[in-house]
Protein backbone atom coordinates (compact mmCIF):
# COMPACT_ATOMS: atom_id res chain seq x y z
CA MET A 1 47.29 123.38 -51.25
CA THR A 2 49.75 126.28 -51.55
CA THR A 3 51.93 127.41 -48.67
CA GLU A 4 52.67 131.09 -48.04
CA VAL A 5 55.69 132.44 -46.14
CA ARG A 6 55.05 135.81 -44.49
CA THR A 7 55.56 137.82 -41.32
CA ILE A 8 52.99 137.48 -38.56
CA ASP A 9 50.56 139.99 -37.16
CA ALA A 10 50.98 140.72 -33.44
CA SER A 11 47.65 139.00 -32.78
CA GLU A 12 49.14 135.74 -34.16
CA THR A 13 52.02 135.60 -31.68
CA ASP A 14 50.56 132.81 -29.52
CA ASP A 15 49.67 130.71 -32.56
CA TRP A 16 53.26 131.13 -33.77
CA ILE A 17 54.64 130.08 -30.36
CA HIS A 18 52.40 127.02 -30.41
CA ALA A 19 53.66 126.03 -33.87
CA LEU A 20 57.28 126.76 -32.93
CA HIS A 21 57.44 124.00 -30.32
CA MET A 22 56.29 121.16 -32.58
CA PRO A 23 59.53 120.60 -34.60
CA PHE A 24 61.52 120.67 -31.34
CA LEU A 25 59.47 117.78 -29.91
CA GLY A 26 57.78 119.93 -27.32
CA HIS A 27 54.49 121.58 -26.45
CA ALA A 28 53.97 125.20 -25.46
CA ASP A 29 52.80 125.79 -21.89
CA GLU A 30 51.96 129.00 -20.07
CA GLU A 31 55.58 129.53 -19.08
CA SER A 32 56.87 129.17 -22.63
CA TYR A 33 54.15 131.51 -23.94
CA ARG A 34 55.17 134.10 -21.34
CA ARG A 35 58.87 133.83 -22.15
CA TRP A 36 58.54 133.94 -25.95
CA ARG A 37 56.12 136.88 -25.83
CA LEU A 38 58.91 138.92 -24.21
CA HIS A 39 61.23 138.39 -27.17
CA VAL A 40 59.10 138.14 -30.32
CA GLU A 41 59.28 141.09 -32.72
CA PRO A 42 56.25 140.51 -35.00
CA GLU A 43 57.73 142.50 -37.89
CA ARG A 44 60.76 140.15 -37.81
CA THR A 45 58.83 136.91 -37.21
CA TRP A 46 57.95 134.62 -40.13
CA VAL A 47 55.52 131.79 -40.56
CA ALA A 48 54.78 129.27 -43.29
CA VAL A 49 51.01 129.04 -43.60
CA GLU A 50 48.98 126.36 -45.35
CA GLY A 51 45.28 127.12 -45.20
CA ASP A 52 44.70 128.04 -41.56
CA ARG A 53 47.67 126.03 -40.22
CA PHE A 54 51.12 127.27 -39.29
CA VAL A 55 53.55 124.63 -40.57
CA GLY A 56 56.88 126.45 -40.25
CA THR A 57 58.34 129.19 -38.07
CA SER A 58 61.38 131.47 -37.88
CA CYS A 59 62.28 134.82 -36.37
CA VAL A 60 65.02 137.40 -35.96
CA PHE A 61 65.90 139.29 -32.80
CA SER A 62 67.50 142.73 -33.14
CA ARG A 63 70.74 142.37 -31.17
CA ASP A 64 74.36 143.49 -31.36
CA LEU A 65 77.62 141.57 -31.28
CA THR A 66 81.11 142.29 -29.96
CA LEU A 67 83.80 141.98 -32.65
CA PRO A 68 87.59 141.58 -32.35
CA GLY A 69 89.26 144.74 -31.08
CA LEU A 70 92.71 145.92 -30.09
CA ALA A 71 94.27 145.66 -26.63
CA GLY A 72 93.57 148.72 -24.51
CA GLU A 73 90.66 149.91 -26.64
CA PRO A 74 86.90 149.29 -26.32
CA ALA A 75 85.97 146.49 -28.72
CA PRO A 76 83.64 147.42 -31.59
CA THR A 77 80.06 146.17 -31.66
CA VAL A 78 77.67 145.84 -34.61
CA PRO A 79 73.93 145.25 -34.96
CA PHE A 80 73.15 141.81 -36.39
CA SER A 81 70.27 139.54 -37.33
CA ALA A 82 69.96 137.03 -34.49
CA VAL A 83 68.16 134.16 -36.23
CA SER A 84 66.07 131.92 -33.97
CA GLY A 85 62.94 129.80 -33.75
CA VAL A 86 63.60 128.07 -37.08
CA GLY A 87 61.57 124.92 -37.66
CA VAL A 88 59.44 123.20 -40.28
CA HIS A 89 56.83 120.63 -39.30
CA THR A 90 57.77 117.10 -40.33
CA THR A 91 54.65 116.93 -42.51
CA HIS A 92 56.09 119.71 -44.69
CA HIS A 93 59.75 118.82 -45.08
CA ARG A 94 61.49 119.12 -48.46
CA ARG A 95 59.16 121.73 -49.86
CA GLY A 96 61.64 124.60 -49.76
CA LEU A 97 60.00 126.31 -46.76
CA LEU A 98 63.22 126.68 -44.80
CA ARG A 99 64.91 128.17 -47.88
CA GLN A 100 62.06 130.67 -48.32
CA MET A 101 62.06 131.71 -44.67
CA MET A 102 65.85 132.04 -44.60
CA GLY A 103 65.79 134.13 -47.78
CA GLN A 104 63.27 136.53 -46.26
CA MET A 105 65.12 136.79 -42.94
CA LEU A 106 68.49 137.51 -44.55
CA SER A 107 66.98 139.96 -47.03
CA ASP A 108 65.33 141.75 -44.12
CA GLY A 109 68.71 142.03 -42.39
CA ILE A 110 70.29 143.47 -45.54
CA ALA A 111 67.47 146.00 -45.86
CA ARG A 112 68.07 147.09 -42.25
CA GLY A 113 71.79 147.57 -42.86
CA GLU A 114 72.90 144.64 -40.71
CA ALA A 115 76.29 143.39 -41.90
CA ILE A 116 75.95 139.87 -40.50
CA ALA A 117 73.42 137.30 -39.37
CA ALA A 118 74.11 134.67 -36.74
CA LEU A 119 72.39 131.68 -35.19
CA ILE A 120 72.89 128.85 -32.73
CA ALA A 121 72.45 125.67 -34.75
CA SER A 122 70.19 122.90 -33.50
CA GLU A 123 71.86 120.58 -36.03
CA ALA A 124 75.27 121.30 -37.52
CA THR A 125 74.41 119.86 -40.95
CA ILE A 126 71.66 122.35 -41.78
CA TYR A 127 73.02 125.87 -42.01
CA GLY A 128 76.33 125.69 -43.87
CA ARG A 129 74.45 125.58 -47.17
CA PHE A 130 72.90 128.95 -46.33
CA GLY A 131 76.36 130.46 -45.77
CA PHE A 132 76.60 130.20 -41.99
CA GLY A 133 80.02 129.19 -40.63
CA TRP A 134 80.97 127.89 -37.16
CA ALA A 135 82.60 130.98 -35.64
CA THR A 136 82.71 130.65 -31.83
CA SER A 137 83.25 127.69 -29.52
CA SER A 138 83.03 126.93 -25.83
CA ALA A 139 84.68 124.31 -23.65
CA ASP A 140 82.64 122.40 -21.07
CA VAL A 141 84.89 122.17 -18.04
CA ALA A 142 84.70 120.44 -14.67
CA LEU A 143 86.76 121.25 -11.58
CA ALA A 144 86.87 119.00 -8.50
CA ARG A 145 86.52 121.65 -5.81
CA ARG A 146 87.73 119.76 -2.76
CA THR A 147 91.09 118.75 -4.28
CA ASN A 148 92.07 121.89 -6.17
CA ARG A 149 93.52 125.23 -5.20
CA LEU A 150 95.24 128.17 -6.86
CA ARG A 151 99.03 128.35 -6.81
CA GLU A 152 99.37 132.07 -6.09
CA PRO A 153 97.43 134.63 -4.05
CA VAL A 154 94.77 136.63 -5.86
CA PRO A 155 93.35 140.11 -5.16
CA GLU A 156 90.93 140.46 -2.28
CA LEU A 157 87.59 141.61 -3.64
CA ASP A 158 84.72 143.22 -1.77
CA LEU A 159 82.15 140.57 -2.74
CA GLU A 160 78.40 140.59 -2.20
CA LEU A 161 76.34 137.38 -2.31
CA CYS A 162 72.77 138.13 -3.35
CA ASP A 163 69.65 136.95 -5.15
CA ALA A 164 68.08 138.16 -8.39
CA ARG A 165 66.25 141.08 -6.76
CA GLU A 166 69.52 142.70 -5.65
CA ALA A 167 71.49 141.59 -8.72
CA ALA A 168 69.01 143.33 -11.03
CA LYS A 169 70.29 146.71 -9.79
CA LYS A 170 73.89 146.12 -10.92
CA VAL A 171 74.39 143.08 -13.17
CA PRO A 172 72.98 144.38 -16.51
CA ALA A 173 75.36 147.36 -16.56
CA LEU A 174 78.27 145.16 -15.40
CA PHE A 175 77.61 142.63 -18.13
CA ASP A 176 77.31 145.26 -20.85
CA ARG A 177 80.66 146.76 -19.85
CA LEU A 178 82.52 143.50 -19.39
CA ARG A 179 81.20 141.62 -22.43
CA ARG A 180 83.03 144.12 -24.66
CA ALA A 181 86.37 142.61 -23.65
CA ARG A 182 85.82 139.46 -25.70
CA PRO A 183 84.61 139.00 -29.29
CA GLY A 184 81.53 136.86 -29.77
CA GLN A 185 79.52 138.26 -26.88
CA VAL A 186 75.91 139.16 -27.68
CA ASN A 187 74.14 141.99 -25.87
CA ARG A 188 71.30 141.27 -23.46
CA ASN A 189 68.23 143.42 -23.86
CA ASP A 190 65.46 144.21 -21.36
CA ALA A 191 63.48 141.12 -22.40
CA TYR A 192 66.49 138.90 -21.69
CA TRP A 193 66.97 140.34 -18.21
CA GLU A 194 63.27 140.18 -17.36
CA ASP A 195 63.39 136.48 -18.18
CA ALA A 196 66.59 136.04 -16.17
CA TRP A 197 65.18 137.63 -13.02
CA GLU A 198 62.05 135.48 -13.27
CA ASP A 199 64.35 132.43 -13.62
CA PRO A 200 61.58 129.92 -14.41
CA ARG A 201 62.01 126.28 -13.48
CA ALA A 202 61.98 125.26 -17.16
CA ILE A 203 65.40 126.85 -17.79
CA ARG A 204 67.17 125.65 -14.63
CA GLY A 205 68.02 122.12 -15.78
CA GLY A 206 67.03 120.63 -12.43
CA LEU A 207 69.27 123.05 -10.51
CA SER A 208 68.53 125.88 -8.08
CA LYS A 209 67.65 129.44 -8.91
CA HIS A 210 70.63 131.69 -9.57
CA PHE A 211 72.97 132.92 -6.89
CA TYR A 212 74.89 136.10 -7.74
CA VAL A 213 78.26 137.23 -6.42
CA LEU A 214 79.09 140.86 -7.25
CA CYS A 215 81.94 143.32 -6.97
CA ASP A 216 82.69 146.60 -8.73
CA ASP A 217 84.66 144.92 -11.53
CA GLY A 218 83.04 141.55 -11.98
CA TYR A 219 80.36 139.07 -11.09
CA ILE A 220 79.39 135.39 -11.06
CA ALA A 221 75.97 133.86 -11.66
CA TYR A 222 75.70 130.21 -10.64
CA ARG A 223 73.26 127.46 -9.77
CA ALA A 224 73.63 124.47 -7.45
CA LYS A 225 72.42 120.90 -7.23
CA ASN A 226 72.00 119.58 -3.72
CA SER A 227 72.30 115.79 -3.64
CA TRP A 228 72.67 115.23 0.09
CA ASN A 229 70.08 112.47 0.09
CA SER A 230 71.76 110.40 -2.63
CA ASP A 231 75.17 109.17 -3.69
CA GLU A 232 75.42 111.84 -6.41
CA VAL A 233 77.91 114.68 -6.10
CA ASN A 234 76.88 118.21 -5.21
CA VAL A 235 77.35 120.37 -8.32
CA LEU A 236 77.85 124.10 -8.70
CA ARG A 237 77.09 125.21 -12.26
CA VAL A 238 78.64 128.53 -13.34
CA GLU A 239 76.43 130.38 -15.81
CA ASP A 240 78.38 133.68 -15.97
CA LEU A 241 81.85 134.61 -14.76
CA PHE A 242 83.07 138.03 -15.89
CA GLY A 243 85.89 140.21 -14.60
CA ALA A 244 87.47 143.43 -15.79
CA SER A 245 90.88 141.72 -15.73
CA THR A 246 92.32 138.21 -15.53
CA GLU A 247 93.23 138.94 -11.91
CA VAL A 248 89.62 139.76 -11.03
CA GLU A 249 88.45 136.58 -12.77
CA ALA A 250 91.06 134.57 -10.84
CA ALA A 251 89.69 135.99 -7.58
CA LEU A 252 86.18 134.99 -8.64
CA TRP A 253 87.41 131.43 -9.28
CA GLN A 254 88.98 131.54 -5.80
CA TYR A 255 85.55 132.36 -4.40
CA LEU A 256 84.03 129.35 -6.18
CA LEU A 257 86.70 127.04 -4.79
CA GLY A 258 85.69 128.21 -1.32
CA VAL A 259 81.96 127.41 -1.59
CA ASP A 260 81.25 124.75 1.03
CA LEU A 261 79.35 121.53 0.33
CA VAL A 262 80.26 121.57 -3.38
CA ASP A 263 82.05 118.59 -4.94
CA THR A 264 82.26 119.64 -8.62
CA ILE A 265 82.23 123.03 -10.35
CA THR A 266 81.08 122.94 -13.98
CA ALA A 267 81.00 125.72 -16.57
CA ALA A 268 81.07 126.53 -20.28
CA ARG A 269 84.17 128.67 -20.76
CA PRO A 270 86.31 130.18 -23.52
CA LEU A 271 88.83 127.86 -25.17
CA ASP A 272 91.64 130.03 -23.79
CA GLU A 273 90.33 130.02 -20.18
CA PRO A 274 93.51 130.70 -18.12
CA VAL A 275 92.44 129.31 -14.74
CA ARG A 276 94.03 125.93 -15.57
CA TRP A 277 97.48 127.52 -15.36
CA ARG A 278 96.68 129.02 -11.96
CA LEU A 279 95.91 125.63 -10.43
CA GLU A 280 98.51 123.75 -8.41
CA ASP A 281 97.54 120.74 -10.51
CA PRO A 282 96.70 121.81 -14.08
CA ARG A 283 95.04 118.43 -14.64
CA GLY A 284 92.47 119.45 -12.06
CA LEU A 285 90.46 121.22 -14.77
CA SER A 286 88.90 118.62 -17.07
CA VAL A 287 87.52 119.50 -20.48
CA THR A 288 84.44 117.31 -20.91
CA GLY A 289 83.47 118.63 -24.34
CA VAL A 290 83.90 121.38 -26.94
CA ARG A 291 80.78 122.82 -28.54
CA ASP A 292 79.94 125.21 -31.32
CA MET A 293 78.00 128.33 -30.38
CA LEU A 294 77.62 131.17 -32.91
CA TRP A 295 77.38 130.40 -36.62
CA ILE A 296 77.91 133.60 -38.62
CA ARG A 297 76.67 134.54 -42.08
CA VAL A 298 78.18 137.62 -43.74
CA LEU A 299 75.58 139.80 -45.50
CA ASP A 300 77.69 142.87 -46.32
CA VAL A 301 81.37 142.00 -46.84
CA PRO A 302 82.88 145.52 -46.68
CA ALA A 303 80.82 146.47 -43.63
CA ALA A 304 81.57 143.21 -41.79
CA LEU A 305 85.30 143.12 -42.50
CA THR A 306 85.88 146.77 -41.66
CA ALA A 307 83.80 146.77 -38.47
CA ARG A 308 86.33 144.60 -36.62
CA ARG A 309 89.94 145.53 -35.80
CA TYR A 310 93.19 143.87 -36.92
CA ARG A 311 96.43 143.50 -34.96
CA HIS A 312 98.58 143.06 -38.08
CA LYS A 313 98.89 144.93 -41.35
CA ASP A 314 98.31 143.23 -44.71
CA THR A 315 96.33 143.31 -47.94
CA LEU A 316 94.42 140.24 -49.10
CA VAL A 317 92.40 139.59 -52.24
CA LEU A 318 89.64 137.09 -51.47
CA GLU A 319 87.44 135.19 -53.92
CA VAL A 320 84.23 134.39 -52.03
CA ASP A 321 81.95 131.71 -53.50
CA PRO A 322 78.18 132.06 -52.98
CA ALA A 323 76.24 129.89 -50.57
CA PRO A 324 74.73 126.86 -52.35
CA THR A 325 71.12 127.68 -51.45
CA TRP A 326 71.02 131.47 -51.39
CA THR A 327 67.67 132.96 -52.40
CA ASP A 328 66.51 136.51 -51.92
CA GLY A 329 63.33 137.60 -50.19
CA ASP A 330 61.29 136.80 -53.30
CA GLY A 331 62.72 133.27 -53.53
CA ARG A 332 64.98 134.02 -56.51
CA PRO A 333 68.26 132.05 -56.59
CA GLY A 334 71.63 133.66 -57.29
CA GLY A 335 72.92 137.07 -56.38
CA ASP A 336 74.46 136.19 -53.01
CA PRO A 337 75.58 139.64 -51.75
CA ALA A 338 78.74 138.22 -50.15
CA ALA A 339 79.96 136.52 -53.32
CA GLY A 340 82.66 138.00 -55.50
CA ARG A 341 86.25 139.18 -55.36
CA TRP A 342 87.14 141.50 -52.49
CA VAL A 343 90.24 143.48 -51.57
CA LEU A 344 90.80 143.83 -47.82
CA GLU A 345 93.42 146.32 -46.66
CA ALA A 346 93.74 146.07 -42.89
CA GLY A 347 95.95 147.04 -40.00
CA PRO A 348 95.87 148.44 -36.45
CA GLU A 349 95.16 151.94 -37.77
CA GLY A 350 92.01 150.84 -39.60
CA SER A 351 90.81 148.94 -42.64
CA SER A 352 89.03 149.20 -45.95
CA CYS A 353 87.32 146.66 -48.18
CA ARG A 354 86.09 147.00 -51.76
CA ARG A 355 85.30 144.96 -54.82
CA ALA A 356 88.40 144.00 -56.78
CA ARG A 357 89.23 145.80 -59.97
CA SER A 358 90.20 144.21 -63.23
CA GLY A 359 93.62 142.61 -62.94
CA GLU A 360 93.55 142.18 -59.14
CA ALA A 361 93.93 138.42 -58.95
CA PRO A 362 92.60 136.47 -55.92
CA GLU A 363 95.04 135.02 -53.40
CA LEU A 364 92.52 132.84 -51.54
CA ARG A 365 89.26 131.21 -52.52
CA LEU A 366 86.69 130.36 -49.87
CA GLY A 367 82.98 129.96 -49.38
CA VAL A 368 80.86 132.56 -47.64
CA ALA A 369 80.48 130.15 -44.69
CA GLU A 370 84.27 130.09 -44.26
CA LEU A 371 84.34 133.88 -44.34
CA GLY A 372 81.79 133.96 -41.52
CA ALA A 373 83.77 131.37 -39.57
CA VAL A 374 87.00 133.41 -39.55
CA LEU A 375 85.38 136.81 -38.95
CA MET A 376 85.59 136.50 -35.15
CA GLY A 377 89.22 135.36 -35.15
CA GLY A 378 88.70 131.98 -33.52
CA GLN A 379 88.89 129.74 -36.58
CA ASP A 380 91.59 129.31 -39.22
CA LEU A 381 91.63 128.88 -42.97
CA THR A 382 94.64 126.53 -43.10
CA SER A 383 92.74 123.60 -41.58
CA ARG A 384 89.83 124.35 -43.88
CA ALA A 385 92.17 124.24 -46.88
CA GLN A 386 93.40 120.86 -45.67
CA ALA A 387 89.77 119.74 -45.59
CA GLY A 388 89.06 121.12 -49.08
CA ARG A 389 86.96 124.03 -47.84
CA SER A 390 89.29 126.83 -48.94
CA VAL A 391 91.97 127.09 -51.62
CA GLU A 392 95.31 128.89 -51.52
CA LEU A 393 95.87 130.51 -54.92
CA VAL A 394 99.09 132.35 -54.02
CA SER A 395 101.77 130.68 -51.92
CA GLY A 396 101.79 131.95 -48.34
CA ALA A 397 98.32 133.50 -48.49
CA LEU A 398 96.82 131.03 -45.99
CA GLU A 399 99.40 131.83 -43.33
CA ARG A 400 98.97 135.55 -43.92
CA ALA A 401 95.19 135.27 -43.70
CA ASP A 402 95.34 133.30 -40.44
CA THR A 403 97.68 135.91 -38.98
CA LEU A 404 95.49 138.78 -40.14
CA PHE A 405 92.15 137.38 -38.96
CA GLY A 406 93.45 135.86 -35.72
CA SER A 407 92.27 137.44 -32.49
CA ARG A 408 93.16 137.42 -28.82
CA PRO A 409 91.32 136.73 -26.60
CA ALA A 410 89.53 133.86 -28.29
CA PRO A 411 85.90 134.55 -29.21
CA PHE A 412 83.29 133.25 -26.80
CA SER A 413 79.51 133.52 -26.70
CA SER A 414 77.69 133.11 -23.39
CA THR A 415 74.27 134.44 -24.39
CA GLY A 416 71.71 132.36 -26.21
CA PHE A 417 68.85 133.70 -28.31
């Protein structure tokens, strides 16, 4: 029996949601139907159909992403294809369905003028062959509240402790302003916030509903686990902590250290989180793990490379190899739009990128996944060259590329999709 890959009709949304949960070892319930209905865009939602059965799913959300900027300036943002819901039923593995769905999703993004696609990988071995590179990371940290304090005084903030009903009036605008200070942050649309205010039990991980702490220039969203009736520690889990400056963020950490009854504060934070160096005992902040978050796939090289900003001035000629399994929307192999030889001229005043002319020899060779990995400024090409994933063709080009693409602050993604 033949299998067709196509977009869904709006009337098929619930059938798609039902099929989506199977590869992730789950079953759709009323809560999951409600939540997914908020987000699904039928015209950007694909299904693999065999007869009357849905045997594979994928979708794209229309979102935008903060890119590296320059100090003192608003960071640039770009629309991107936020790839999600990707799964093929075990009964239909190794039939090329994932390749077909990915080809149609990426071709759709190109047709819409989106320079990049990005996803959060369920398994790290799957998406590199489609040209996605690990671009942003987060550190899982733990702070023993009762035994830690900050070394120096922090600003006094006019803080308000509230629930979701009050937070809904202020937090979305605060987040949208503050997320532009760090590359890697994804916008949160109305569907995201509607889900957040509902705060269903399924997304709480056994913890409480959100508490919110607000001020004019920052906020915290956190949950708590009350273990008074057992020997387990009481945990405060930080979901969001944003401030307009490092001083505001330090004051928000000071608030957390003052929350009574809490033994341990946990959070997923940027790799360059500075609170460690504010503690009297820097060992008081433990890193319990480092995780990948956004994997980025470049669809339009000139548009992607010129959308971000660069702190240093240089010109690089890059030879970009195609992704191993690129197919277009019609399933045809070859023709990866990111592949080829590109000349990037970049600096603080602006940048340009074009196809190389005859005689312009490449200085670096890399795969499209590596290009996506370095786009946000949090990864380097030197370590990839040492691992055989990029090649220096002109002496010194790796160091120059790492300097050019590097970004401060480090990229960080706190919004799933």
